[in-house]
């Protein structure tokens, strides 16, 4: 994982703000390097920090090659290229492939073709000096942060994180293709500071297009509506076995070749709900048996709920209760594995002390709900809490997780119909309403969730990985008819062997049931801000969609 900063100016090189260097160093504490160059009278400053998670050696960035002159800042994980698994350091391979593509007669089309082959999350800036073009963008799902601003002088600044100066002018770089900035001005703009930016758009799998595009490895959401009640989704359904295989390989890909740690190489952002418990289970199936797995469970003191003299505001938090329950279920089903339950208790005074830091990191998001979600992820990913013993009564030992890699269940609700609003949409408009809501939620993941979440979690020098957003898992989910993902509108099974489970995310609930995690399979959906009790910390009346007040 890396932090990226790039400034493009017609007025000379500018010193990199100390704020941005500090933020980048937190994301990548092992290397921080700056590179300056001039192309056609345009001054370009590139900075990158590095958290090495691939290969045996540290590879500092920006990567620079003088022949042909090119520079790359790469923040990503290329798991596969052209369906071939990538081993070792991926940044060097990506750089070589981009240089090869840029050296052809049609560099733009060749670069688009290569980017279509990458499977995995990324944000990048690639300077091709020979064509006087600078490419920047995010993967098709937007799993890594990249934000952009234009200064009062007309300079373009691209960064993994915003900084306080001109903060209100920052916007997310849309996850809708690769942007191409021309470093030469057309004649009519010769005296202008403006830069011309075009975009290589995305195209869905099998979509008929004539222009150059970056191919997305999945089609549009299957919008088939059954003419009658669909068959019940059951434990023995073929789609359940297929989903099991896909999730297993997705977690395996994200848990292999982790940085060495004598204690724990992998952590899970763990509410104890369905998604995080499934990821912990699949991590167990993937990792060597002598490898512990850290379950990071966060709970907050909320003054709106807890009185100042309340002795233990944390044990009553819904996510603490479900977390402990799921931990016990995992220990019972996987007795040879050590699952470290890390209780992360955040008093209100600490939430208040970090509030502005979280607001700055999550920007340009600025609603009450954004702050509630970002606060939970910020403190959970910090990984500082107490290790809970298995004894009765349990003891608590101060603990700070050494892991650099965390798994998150984000994407499961959007793909498999887990939100309450999905049930509401079905009750109001049937399958058409449900499909519209699923399409809306999936389509805005990069803009609404992923960039914000990357910024607040990566500030601790950790990388969050999303097994449910693996391209193969996503492809299978969007190709499948809705009744193979959730159970809305299905008749109840008459078989005594089939469990009675909620319809939301029914396919995932059946996977949990097959794994023996029966209580987890029955657990209702609970949003992170309500489970951890970060929602509505202040006593003034507000809605989640309201903008933050000072």
Protein backbone atom coordinates (compact mmCIF):
# COMPACT_ATOMS: atom_id res chain seq x y z
CA UNK A 1 0.00 0.00 0.00
CA UNK A 2 1.16 3.50 -0.74
CA UNK A 3 0.32 7.16 -0.44
CA UNK A 4 0.31 9.28 -3.59
CA UNK A 5 0.74 13.02 -4.18
CA UNK A 6 1.14 14.81 -7.51
CA UNK A 7 1.11 18.53 -8.32
CA UNK A 8 1.04 19.79 -11.91
CA UNK A 9 1.87 23.48 -12.31
CA UNK A 10 2.80 26.05 -14.95
CA UNK A 11 4.44 28.28 -12.32
CA UNK A 12 7.33 26.21 -11.03
CA UNK A 13 7.82 23.48 -8.44
CA UNK A 14 6.06 24.04 -5.13
CA UNK A 15 7.26 22.72 -1.77
CA UNK A 16 5.17 19.76 -0.65
CA UNK A 17 3.12 20.86 2.38
CA UNK A 18 4.39 19.31 5.61
CA UNK A 19 0.81 18.25 6.33
CA UNK A 20 0.69 16.09 3.21
CA UNK A 21 4.10 14.55 3.93
CA UNK A 22 2.92 13.62 7.43
CA UNK A 23 -0.30 12.07 6.11
CA UNK A 24 1.51 10.12 3.40
CA UNK A 25 4.11 8.88 5.89
CA UNK A 26 1.35 7.49 8.10
CA UNK A 27 -0.03 5.50 5.17
CA UNK A 28 3.39 4.24 4.11
CA UNK A 29 5.83 4.48 7.02
CA UNK A 30 8.68 2.58 5.36
CA UNK A 31 9.59 4.95 2.54
CA UNK A 32 8.78 8.52 1.48
CA UNK A 33 10.35 9.92 -1.68
CA UNK A 34 9.87 12.94 -3.93
CA UNK A 35 10.57 13.24 -7.66
CA UNK A 36 10.50 16.44 -9.72
CA UNK A 37 10.50 16.86 -13.47
CA UNK A 38 9.58 19.37 -16.17
CA UNK A 39 7.65 18.44 -19.32
CA UNK A 40 6.94 21.07 -22.02
CA UNK A 41 7.25 23.86 -19.50
CA UNK A 42 4.97 22.13 -16.99
CA UNK A 43 6.41 21.46 -13.53
CA UNK A 44 5.44 18.12 -12.00
CA UNK A 45 6.10 17.10 -8.42
CA UNK A 46 5.39 13.50 -7.42
CA UNK A 47 5.62 12.00 -3.94
CA UNK A 48 4.91 8.47 -2.77
CA UNK A 49 5.13 6.61 0.52
CA UNK A 50 5.32 2.83 0.78
CA UNK A 51 3.97 0.14 3.09
CA UNK A 52 5.61 -3.00 1.64
CA UNK A 53 3.19 -5.92 1.54
CA UNK A 54 4.33 -7.76 -1.60
CA UNK A 55 7.68 -9.36 -2.30
CA UNK A 56 10.73 -9.70 -0.08
CA UNK A 57 12.31 -6.28 -0.70
CA UNK A 58 11.22 -2.70 -0.15
CA UNK A 59 10.65 -0.97 -3.48
CA UNK A 60 10.61 2.82 -2.96
CA UNK A 61 8.31 4.97 -5.07
CA UNK A 62 7.87 6.96 -7.24
CA UNK A 63 9.28 4.47 -9.72
CA UNK A 64 11.35 6.34 -12.32
CA UNK A 65 12.81 5.25 -15.66
CA UNK A 66 14.75 7.67 -17.85
CA UNK A 67 14.47 5.61 -21.04
CA UNK A 68 11.73 6.03 -22.00
CA UNK A 69 11.15 8.85 -19.52
CA UNK A 70 8.27 7.77 -17.28
CA UNK A 71 7.22 7.82 -13.62
CA UNK A 72 4.71 5.74 -11.65
CA UNK A 73 3.05 6.18 -8.27
CA UNK A 74 1.10 2.98 -7.61
CA UNK A 75 -1.17 2.36 -4.64
CA UNK A 76 -2.72 -1.01 -5.22
CA UNK A 77 -2.67 -4.77 -5.24
CA UNK A 78 -2.61 -6.40 -8.66
CA UNK A 79 -3.69 -9.91 -7.73
CA UNK A 80 -3.89 -11.06 -11.35
CA UNK A 81 -2.91 -9.71 -14.76
CA UNK A 82 -4.56 -11.32 -17.77
CA UNK A 83 -5.78 -14.09 -15.42
CA UNK A 84 -2.23 -14.91 -14.34
CA UNK A 85 -1.50 -14.65 -10.60
CA UNK A 86 1.02 -11.96 -9.71
CA UNK A 87 3.70 -13.00 -7.26
CA UNK A 88 6.28 -10.75 -5.69
CA UNK A 89 6.22 -6.97 -5.93
CA UNK A 90 3.43 -5.85 -8.24
CA UNK A 91 4.44 -2.19 -8.59
CA UNK A 92 7.55 -3.02 -10.62
CA UNK A 93 5.58 -5.31 -12.92
CA UNK A 94 2.84 -2.71 -13.41
CA UNK A 95 5.47 -0.09 -14.23
CA UNK A 96 7.11 -2.31 -16.82
CA UNK A 97 3.76 -3.15 -18.44
CA UNK A 98 2.71 0.50 -18.57
CA UNK A 99 6.03 1.51 -20.13
CA UNK A 100 5.66 -1.22 -22.75
CA UNK A 101 2.12 -0.07 -23.51
CA UNK A 102 3.17 3.58 -23.72
CA UNK A 103 5.98 2.80 -26.17
CA UNK A 104 3.60 1.54 -28.87
CA UNK A 105 2.14 3.47 -31.79
CA UNK A 106 -1.19 3.95 -30.00
CA UNK A 107 -0.17 4.43 -26.37
CA UNK A 108 -3.60 5.43 -25.07
CA UNK A 109 -5.35 2.36 -26.47
CA UNK A 110 -2.54 0.07 -25.34
CA UNK A 111 -2.67 1.47 -21.80
CA UNK A 112 -6.46 1.03 -21.74
CA UNK A 113 -6.05 -2.57 -22.91
CA UNK A 114 -3.48 -3.29 -20.20
CA UNK A 115 -5.56 -1.71 -17.42
CA UNK A 116 -8.44 -3.95 -18.51
CA UNK A 117 -6.31 -6.97 -17.57
CA UNK A 118 -5.65 -5.95 -13.95
CA UNK A 119 -7.63 -7.65 -11.19
CA UNK A 120 -7.34 -5.95 -7.84
CA UNK A 121 -7.71 -2.55 -6.16
CA UNK A 122 -5.60 0.42 -7.20
CA UNK A 123 -5.18 4.15 -7.54
CA UNK A 124 -2.30 5.42 -9.61
CA UNK A 125 -0.55 8.31 -11.33
CA UNK A 126 1.52 7.46 -14.43
CA UNK A 127 3.58 10.05 -16.26
CA UNK A 128 4.54 9.25 -19.85
CA UNK A 129 6.90 12.03 -20.83
CA UNK A 130 7.36 10.82 -24.39
CA UNK A 131 3.68 11.46 -25.20
CA UNK A 132 3.46 14.39 -22.75
CA UNK A 133 0.51 12.78 -20.97
CA UNK A 134 -0.23 12.12 -17.32
CA UNK A 135 -2.69 9.33 -16.48
CA UNK A 136 -4.47 9.10 -13.14
CA UNK A 137 -7.43 7.19 -11.74
CA UNK A 138 -8.86 4.41 -9.61
CA UNK A 139 -9.93 0.85 -10.28
CA UNK A 140 -13.45 0.21 -11.56
CA UNK A 141 -14.85 -0.21 -8.04
CA UNK A 142 -12.91 2.62 -6.42
CA UNK A 143 -11.29 0.49 -3.71
CA UNK A 144 -8.42 2.95 -3.15
CA UNK A 145 -8.69 6.64 -2.36
CA UNK A 146 -7.76 9.38 -4.81
CA UNK A 147 -8.88 12.99 -4.47
CA UNK A 148 -8.25 16.06 -6.61
CA UNK A 149 -8.29 19.84 -6.33
CA UNK A 150 -7.47 22.85 -8.48
CA UNK A 151 -5.59 25.66 -6.71
CA UNK A 152 -6.28 29.35 -7.14
CA UNK A 153 -3.25 29.46 -9.49
CA UNK A 154 -4.75 26.79 -11.72
CA UNK A 155 -2.45 23.99 -10.52
CA UNK A 156 -3.87 20.46 -10.41
CA UNK A 157 -3.21 18.48 -7.23
CA UNK A 158 -3.95 14.74 -7.02
CA UNK A 159 -3.53 12.92 -3.71
CA UNK A 160 -4.48 9.86 -1.69
CA UNK A 161 -5.56 12.20 1.09
CA UNK A 162 -6.73 15.83 1.20
CA UNK A 163 -4.96 18.36 3.34
CA UNK A 164 -6.50 21.23 5.25
CA UNK A 165 -5.51 24.03 2.87
CA UNK A 166 -8.36 24.68 0.38
CA UNK A 167 -10.12 21.70 1.89
CA UNK A 168 -13.57 22.58 0.60
CA UNK A 169 -12.29 22.37 -2.99
CA UNK A 170 -11.31 18.69 -2.87
CA UNK A 171 -13.39 16.15 -4.79
CA UNK A 172 -13.17 12.38 -5.16
CA UNK A 173 -11.65 11.22 -8.43
CA UNK A 174 -14.55 9.24 -9.87
CA UNK A 175 -14.02 5.50 -10.31
CA UNK A 176 -15.28 5.71 -13.88
CA UNK A 177 -12.17 5.15 -15.97
CA UNK A 178 -8.66 6.54 -16.37
CA UNK A 179 -8.14 10.29 -16.69
CA UNK A 180 -5.60 11.64 -19.19
CA UNK A 181 -4.11 15.09 -18.60
CA UNK A 182 -2.35 16.71 -21.52
CA UNK A 183 0.85 18.54 -20.58
CA UNK A 184 0.75 20.57 -23.79
CA UNK A 185 -1.84 23.29 -24.37
CA UNK A 186 -3.92 23.57 -27.52
CA UNK A 187 -3.22 26.83 -29.36
CA UNK A 188 -6.41 28.54 -28.23
CA UNK A 189 -5.51 27.88 -24.58
CA UNK A 190 -1.86 28.84 -24.94
CA UNK A 191 -2.11 31.77 -22.56
CA UNK A 192 -4.38 29.95 -20.15
CA UNK A 193 -3.44 28.12 -16.98
CA UNK A 194 -6.08 25.47 -17.65
CA UNK A 195 -5.12 21.88 -18.34
CA UNK A 196 -7.05 19.69 -20.75
CA UNK A 197 -8.22 16.45 -19.09
CA UNK A 198 -9.94 13.66 -21.01
CA UNK A 199 -11.13 10.28 -19.80
CA UNK A 200 -10.82 6.71 -21.02
CA UNK A 201 -14.24 5.41 -19.91
CA UNK A 202 -15.18 2.02 -18.55
CA UNK A 203 -17.25 -0.49 -20.49
CA UNK A 204 -19.04 -3.48 -19.02
CA UNK A 205 -18.26 -7.04 -19.98
CA UNK A 206 -19.77 -7.89 -23.40
CA UNK A 207 -20.91 -4.28 -23.90
CA UNK A 208 -20.63 -3.31 -27.56
CA UNK A 209 -18.48 -0.19 -27.87
CA UNK A 210 -16.45 1.32 -30.69
CA UNK A 211 -14.28 3.79 -28.77
CA UNK A 212 -11.31 2.80 -26.64
CA UNK A 213 -12.40 1.76 -23.15
CA UNK A 214 -11.19 -0.04 -20.06
CA UNK A 215 -13.13 -3.29 -19.89
CA UNK A 216 -14.82 -4.09 -16.59
CA UNK A 217 -14.73 -7.85 -15.84
CA UNK A 218 -18.45 -8.16 -15.12
CA UNK A 219 -21.72 -7.29 -16.85
CA UNK A 220 -24.63 -5.12 -15.79
CA UNK A 221 -26.73 -6.36 -12.86
CA UNK A 222 -29.01 -9.22 -13.88
CA UNK A 223 -32.48 -7.67 -13.87
CA UNK A 224 -34.47 -10.84 -14.51
CA UNK A 225 -37.79 -10.86 -12.68
CA UNK A 226 -39.46 -14.22 -12.01
CA UNK A 227 -42.93 -14.74 -13.42
CA UNK A 228 -43.86 -16.74 -10.34
CA UNK A 229 -42.41 -17.42 -6.91
CA UNK A 230 -38.79 -18.61 -7.43
CA UNK A 231 -37.57 -21.87 -5.92
CA UNK A 232 -36.37 -21.69 -2.34
CA UNK A 233 -32.66 -21.09 -1.84
CA UNK A 234 -31.36 -24.10 0.11
CA UNK A 235 -28.19 -25.44 1.66
CA UNK A 236 -27.78 -27.83 -1.26
CA UNK A 237 -28.36 -25.24 -3.99
CA UNK A 238 -25.57 -25.26 -6.56
CA UNK A 239 -25.15 -21.48 -6.33
CA UNK A 240 -24.30 -21.83 -2.62
CA UNK A 241 -21.46 -24.22 -3.37
CA UNK A 242 -20.21 -21.90 -6.12
CA UNK A 243 -20.28 -18.94 -3.75
CA UNK A 244 -18.36 -20.95 -1.14
CA UNK A 245 -15.61 -21.68 -3.65
CA UNK A 246 -15.39 -18.07 -4.82
CA UNK A 247 -15.20 -16.65 -1.29
CA UNK A 248 -12.61 -19.21 -0.27
CA UNK A 249 -10.34 -18.27 -3.17
CA UNK A 250 -10.96 -14.56 -2.64
CA UNK A 251 -9.87 -14.72 1.01
CA UNK A 252 -6.99 -17.03 0.13
CA UNK A 253 -5.70 -14.51 -2.41
CA UNK A 254 -5.84 -11.70 0.14
CA UNK A 255 -4.34 -13.68 3.01
CA UNK A 256 -1.36 -15.27 1.25
CA UNK A 257 2.25 -14.07 1.44
CA UNK A 258 1.54 -11.63 4.25
CA UNK A 259 4.34 -9.72 5.96
CA UNK A 260 6.00 -11.86 8.60
CA UNK A 261 4.77 -11.36 12.15
CA UNK A 262 5.59 -13.46 15.19
CA UNK A 263 2.10 -12.91 16.56
CA UNK A 264 -0.56 -12.34 13.93
CA UNK A 265 -0.32 -11.63 10.20
CA UNK A 266 -4.02 -11.01 9.61
CA UNK A 267 -6.82 -9.06 11.24
CA UNK A 268 -10.56 -8.80 10.66
CA UNK A 269 -12.70 -5.72 11.26
CA UNK A 270 -15.05 -7.74 13.40
CA UNK A 271 -18.54 -6.74 14.49
CA UNK A 272 -19.56 -10.36 14.95
CA UNK A 273 -22.14 -9.92 12.25
CA UNK A 274 -22.63 -12.24 9.32
CA UNK A 275 -20.08 -10.72 6.94
CA UNK A 276 -17.13 -10.35 9.32
CA UNK A 277 -17.71 -13.76 10.93
CA UNK A 278 -17.73 -15.42 7.51
CA UNK A 279 -14.44 -13.74 6.62
CA UNK A 280 -12.88 -14.93 9.88
CA UNK A 281 -14.08 -18.45 9.09
CA UNK A 282 -12.67 -18.41 5.56
CA UNK A 283 -9.41 -16.97 6.85
CA UNK A 284 -9.27 -20.01 9.14
CA UNK A 285 -9.69 -22.31 6.14
CA UNK A 286 -6.87 -20.47 4.36
CA UNK A 287 -4.11 -19.82 6.89
CA UNK A 288 -1.73 -22.32 8.54
CA UNK A 289 -3.20 -23.67 11.78
CA UNK A 290 -0.46 -22.16 13.94
CA UNK A 291 -1.36 -18.65 12.75
CA UNK A 292 -3.59 -16.58 15.07
CA UNK A 293 -6.25 -14.26 13.63
CA UNK A 294 -7.03 -10.94 15.32
CA UNK A 295 -10.71 -10.01 15.60
CA UNK A 296 -10.88 -6.23 16.09
CA UNK A 297 -14.12 -5.31 17.82
CA UNK A 298 -14.86 -1.67 18.64
CA UNK A 299 -17.37 -0.22 21.11
CA UNK A 300 -17.96 3.41 22.07
CA UNK A 301 -19.13 5.33 25.07
CA UNK A 302 -22.04 7.42 23.79
CA UNK A 303 -23.16 10.23 26.13
CA UNK A 304 -26.59 10.22 24.55
CA UNK A 305 -27.05 6.66 25.86
CA UNK A 306 -24.60 6.27 28.74
CA UNK A 307 -24.61 8.43 31.88
CA UNK A 308 -21.20 9.86 32.89
CA UNK A 309 -21.03 7.53 35.90
CA UNK A 310 -22.02 4.46 33.89
CA UNK A 311 -19.45 1.84 34.90
CA UNK A 312 -19.26 -0.24 31.73
CA UNK A 313 -20.75 1.40 28.62
CA UNK A 314 -18.98 -1.06 26.31
CA UNK A 315 -20.33 -4.49 27.21
CA UNK A 316 -23.85 -3.33 26.39
CA UNK A 317 -22.93 -2.22 22.84
CA UNK A 318 -24.71 -4.45 20.30
CA UNK A 319 -21.50 -5.16 18.35
CA UNK A 320 -19.68 -6.21 21.53
CA UNK A 321 -22.43 -8.71 22.30
CA UNK A 322 -22.56 -10.14 18.78
CA UNK A 323 -18.76 -10.06 18.59
CA UNK A 324 -18.33 -12.20 21.68
CA UNK A 325 -21.08 -14.56 20.53
CA UNK A 326 -19.52 -15.01 17.10
CA UNK A 327 -16.06 -15.43 18.67
CA UNK A 328 -17.35 -18.28 20.79
CA UNK A 329 -18.98 -19.86 17.74
CA UNK A 330 -15.74 -19.64 15.76
CA UNK A 331 -13.74 -21.16 18.60
CA UNK A 332 -16.21 -24.02 18.83
CA UNK A 333 -16.17 -24.75 15.09
CA UNK A 334 -12.43 -24.15 14.64
CA UNK A 335 -10.89 -25.46 17.89
CA UNK A 336 -7.36 -25.70 16.44
CA UNK A 337 -7.24 -22.00 15.62
CA UNK A 338 -6.38 -19.13 17.97
CA UNK A 339 -8.79 -16.25 17.40
CA UNK A 340 -7.62 -13.20 19.35
CA UNK A 341 -10.65 -11.18 20.40
CA UNK A 342 -9.45 -7.59 20.70
CA UNK A 343 -11.89 -5.43 22.67
CA UNK A 344 -11.38 -1.83 21.56
CA UNK A 345 -13.14 0.50 24.02
CA UNK A 346 -13.34 4.17 23.08
CA UNK A 347 -14.39 6.67 25.76
CA UNK A 348 -16.21 9.78 24.61
CA UNK A 349 -13.25 11.98 25.53
CA UNK A 350 -11.07 10.07 23.06
CA UNK A 351 -13.70 10.29 20.33
CA UNK A 352 -13.83 14.05 20.88
CA UNK A 353 -10.03 14.37 20.83
CA UNK A 354 -9.79 12.66 17.42
CA UNK A 355 -12.92 14.18 15.90
CA UNK A 356 -11.24 16.81 13.74
CA UNK A 357 -8.60 14.38 12.52
CA UNK A 358 -11.32 12.01 11.35
CA UNK A 359 -13.26 14.85 9.68
CA UNK A 360 -10.12 15.95 7.82
CA UNK A 361 -9.36 12.40 6.66
CA UNK A 362 -12.85 11.56 5.45
CA UNK A 363 -13.20 14.85 3.51
CA UNK A 364 -14.79 15.60 1.03
CA UNK A 365 -17.46 13.54 2.84
CA UNK A 366 -19.01 15.70 5.54
CA UNK A 367 -22.27 14.33 6.92
CA UNK A 368 -23.15 13.09 10.38
CA UNK A 369 -23.43 9.54 9.04
CA UNK A 370 -20.02 9.78 7.40
CA UNK A 371 -18.50 10.79 10.72
CA UNK A 372 -20.27 7.98 12.59
CA UNK A 373 -19.04 5.31 10.17
CA UNK A 374 -15.57 6.81 9.78
CA UNK A 375 -15.09 7.03 13.57
CA UNK A 376 -15.84 3.32 14.01
CA UNK A 377 -13.45 2.33 11.21
CA UNK A 378 -10.74 4.75 12.36
CA UNK A 379 -10.52 3.36 15.90
CA UNK A 380 -11.11 -0.26 14.89
CA UNK A 381 -8.28 -0.17 12.35
CA UNK A 382 -5.95 1.44 14.89
CA UNK A 383 -6.10 -1.95 16.62
CA UNK A 384 -5.37 -0.76 20.15
CA UNK A 385 -7.40 -2.42 22.87
CA UNK A 386 -7.42 -5.38 25.23
CA UNK A 387 -6.93 -9.04 24.49
CA UNK A 388 -9.82 -10.96 26.04
CA UNK A 389 -8.92 -14.30 27.61
CA UNK A 390 -10.96 -17.46 27.19
CA UNK A 391 -11.12 -17.99 30.95
CA UNK A 392 -14.23 -17.44 33.07
CA UNK A 393 -14.37 -14.74 34.17
CA UNK A 394 -12.22 -13.35 31.35
CA UNK A 395 -9.13 -11.26 31.93
CA UNK A 396 -8.05 -8.31 29.79
CA UNK A 397 -4.49 -7.67 28.63
CA UNK A 398 -3.46 -4.46 26.84
CA UNK A 399 -2.84 -5.26 23.18
CA UNK A 400 -1.87 -3.49 19.96
CA UNK A 401 -2.26 -5.60 16.86
CA UNK A 402 0.91 -5.99 14.78
CA UNK A 403 -0.96 -6.89 11.61
CA UNK A 404 -0.65 -4.71 8.53
CA UNK A 405 -3.55 -6.34 6.66
CA UNK A 406 -7.20 -6.22 7.65
CA UNK A 407 -10.22 -7.87 6.05
CA UNK A 408 -13.52 -6.02 5.73
CA UNK A 409 -16.97 -7.32 4.82
CA UNK A 410 -17.87 -4.21 2.82
CA UNK A 411 -19.78 -5.05 -0.34
CA UNK A 412 -21.75 -7.99 1.02
CA UNK A 413 -24.88 -5.93 1.73
CA UNK A 414 -24.77 -4.16 -1.62
CA UNK A 415 -24.35 -7.38 -3.60
CA UNK A 416 -26.59 -9.73 -1.62
CA UNK A 417 -29.40 -7.47 -0.42
CA UNK A 418 -28.56 -6.99 3.25
CA UNK A 419 -29.85 -3.52 4.08
CA UNK A 420 -33.24 -2.82 5.62
CA UNK A 421 -33.99 -0.57 2.65
CA UNK A 422 -33.71 -3.61 0.37
CA UNK A 423 -36.50 -5.31 2.29
CA UNK A 424 -38.46 -2.05 2.21
CA UNK A 425 -37.98 -1.68 -1.55
CA UNK A 426 -39.22 -5.24 -2.11
CA UNK A 427 -42.27 -4.74 0.11
CA UNK A 428 -43.21 -1.58 -1.82
CA UNK A 429 -42.32 -2.41 -5.42
CA UNK A 430 -41.49 -6.11 -5.51
CA UNK A 431 -38.49 -7.43 -7.42
CA UNK A 432 -38.26 -4.32 -9.61
CA UNK A 433 -37.88 -2.10 -6.56
CA UNK A 434 -35.34 -4.47 -5.00
CA UNK A 435 -33.24 -4.58 -8.17
CA UNK A 436 -33.27 -0.81 -8.52
CA UNK A 437 -32.07 -0.43 -4.94
CA UNK A 438 -29.30 -3.03 -5.39
CA UNK A 439 -28.10 -1.35 -8.58
CA UNK A 440 -28.04 2.05 -6.86
CA UNK A 441 -26.09 0.78 -3.85
CA UNK A 442 -23.50 -1.13 -5.85
CA UNK A 443 -22.99 1.70 -8.31
CA UNK A 444 -22.12 4.24 -5.63
CA UNK A 445 -19.75 2.14 -3.51
CA UNK A 446 -16.64 3.91 -4.80
CA UNK A 447 -18.08 7.38 -4.34
CA UNK A 448 -19.97 6.83 -1.10
CA UNK A 449 -17.87 4.37 0.89
CA UNK A 450 -14.56 3.11 -0.36
CA UNK A 451 -12.52 6.29 -0.76
CA UNK A 452 -13.60 7.58 2.64
CA UNK A 453 -12.94 4.26 4.33
CA UNK A 454 -9.49 3.91 2.75
CA UNK A 455 -8.44 7.32 4.03
CA UNK A 456 -9.47 6.77 7.65
CA UNK A 457 -8.14 3.20 7.96
CA UNK A 458 -4.86 3.60 6.08
CA UNK A 459 -3.70 6.42 8.35
CA UNK A 460 -2.57 3.70 10.79
CA UNK A 461 -0.25 2.10 8.23
CA UNK A 462 -2.63 -0.77 7.57
CA UNK A 463 -4.27 -1.99 4.38
CA UNK A 464 -7.91 -3.04 4.30
CA UNK A 465 -8.85 -5.72 1.80
CA UNK A 466 -12.37 -6.53 0.61
CA UNK A 467 -12.96 -10.20 -0.27
CA UNK A 468 -16.60 -9.57 -1.20
CA UNK A 469 -15.39 -7.06 -3.80
CA UNK A 470 -13.10 -9.52 -5.56
CA UNK A 471 -13.86 -9.26 -9.28
CA UNK A 472 -14.85 -12.94 -9.50
CA UNK A 473 -17.20 -12.65 -6.52
CA UNK A 474 -18.70 -9.45 -7.91
CA UNK A 475 -19.07 -11.03 -11.35
CA UNK A 476 -20.91 -14.04 -9.99
CA UNK A 477 -23.16 -11.86 -7.84
CA UNK A 478 -24.21 -9.46 -10.60
CA UNK A 479 -24.74 -12.27 -13.11
CA UNK A 480 -26.94 -14.27 -10.73
CA UNK A 481 -30.69 -13.70 -10.60
CA UNK A 482 -31.73 -11.93 -7.42
CA UNK A 483 -33.34 -15.05 -5.94
CA UNK A 484 -29.92 -16.76 -5.82
CA UNK A 485 -28.64 -14.02 -3.51
CA UNK A 486 -31.48 -13.18 -1.14
CA UNK A 487 -34.76 -14.80 -0.16
CA UNK A 488 -37.34 -12.07 -0.70
CA UNK A 489 -40.56 -13.47 -2.17
CA UNK A 490 -39.54 -17.11 -1.77
CA UNK A 491 -41.85 -19.70 -0.24
CA UNK A 492 -40.60 -21.14 3.02
CA UNK A 493 -38.98 -24.51 2.65
CA UNK A 494 -41.04 -27.44 3.90
CA UNK A 495 -37.90 -29.46 4.67
CA UNK A 496 -37.16 -29.96 8.35
CA UNK A 497 -33.45 -29.91 7.50
CA UNK A 498 -33.55 -26.37 6.11
CA UNK A 499 -33.05 -23.52 8.61
CA UNK A 500 -35.49 -20.61 8.86
CA UNK A 501 -33.38 -17.56 8.13
CA UNK A 502 -33.95 -13.92 7.26
CA UNK A 503 -34.27 -13.25 3.53
CA UNK A 504 -31.63 -10.50 3.44
CA UNK A 505 -28.27 -11.97 2.29
CA UNK A 506 -29.82 -15.44 2.45
CA UNK A 507 -27.02 -16.97 0.35
CA UNK A 508 -24.43 -15.78 2.87
CA UNK A 509 -26.57 -16.89 5.80
CA UNK A 510 -26.70 -20.40 4.32
CA UNK A 511 -22.90 -20.40 4.01
CA UNK A 512 -22.62 -19.50 7.69
CA UNK A 513 -25.13 -22.22 8.60
CA UNK A 514 -23.15 -24.82 6.64
CA UNK A 515 -20.02 -23.71 8.52
CA UNK A 516 -21.77 -24.45 11.81
CA UNK A 517 -22.11 -20.76 12.73
CA UNK A 518 -25.82 -21.00 13.40
CA UNK A 519 -26.18 -17.97 15.66
CA UNK A 520 -24.25 -15.90 13.14
CA UNK A 521 -26.55 -17.06 10.34
CA UNK A 522 -29.56 -15.83 12.32
CA UNK A 523 -28.04 -12.47 13.27
CA UNK A 524 -30.04 -9.51 11.90
CA UNK A 525 -28.31 -6.77 9.93
CA UNK A 526 -27.09 -3.88 12.05
CA UNK A 527 -25.31 -0.83 10.61
CA UNK A 528 -21.81 -0.23 11.98
CA UNK A 529 -22.70 3.16 13.46
CA UNK A 530 -25.56 1.65 15.49
CA UNK A 531 -23.75 -1.54 16.45
CA UNK A 532 -20.71 0.30 17.77
CA UNK A 533 -22.82 3.23 19.03
CA UNK A 534 -21.07 6.01 17.15
CA UNK A 535 -24.39 7.23 15.76
CA UNK A 536 -25.73 10.51 17.16
CA UNK A 537 -22.99 11.15 19.68
CA UNK A 538 -24.16 14.72 20.22
CA UNK A 539 -27.37 15.63 21.98
CA UNK A 540 -28.57 18.11 19.33
CA UNK A 541 -31.18 16.80 16.92
CA UNK A 542 -29.77 15.78 13.55
CA UNK A 543 -30.18 13.31 10.74
CA UNK A 544 -27.46 11.13 9.31
CA UNK A 545 -27.62 13.06 6.03
CA UNK A 546 -27.16 16.44 7.74
CA UNK A 547 -23.86 18.20 7.18
CA UNK A 548 -21.57 18.44 10.17
CA UNK A 549 -21.70 21.49 12.38
CA UNK A 550 -18.66 22.92 14.15
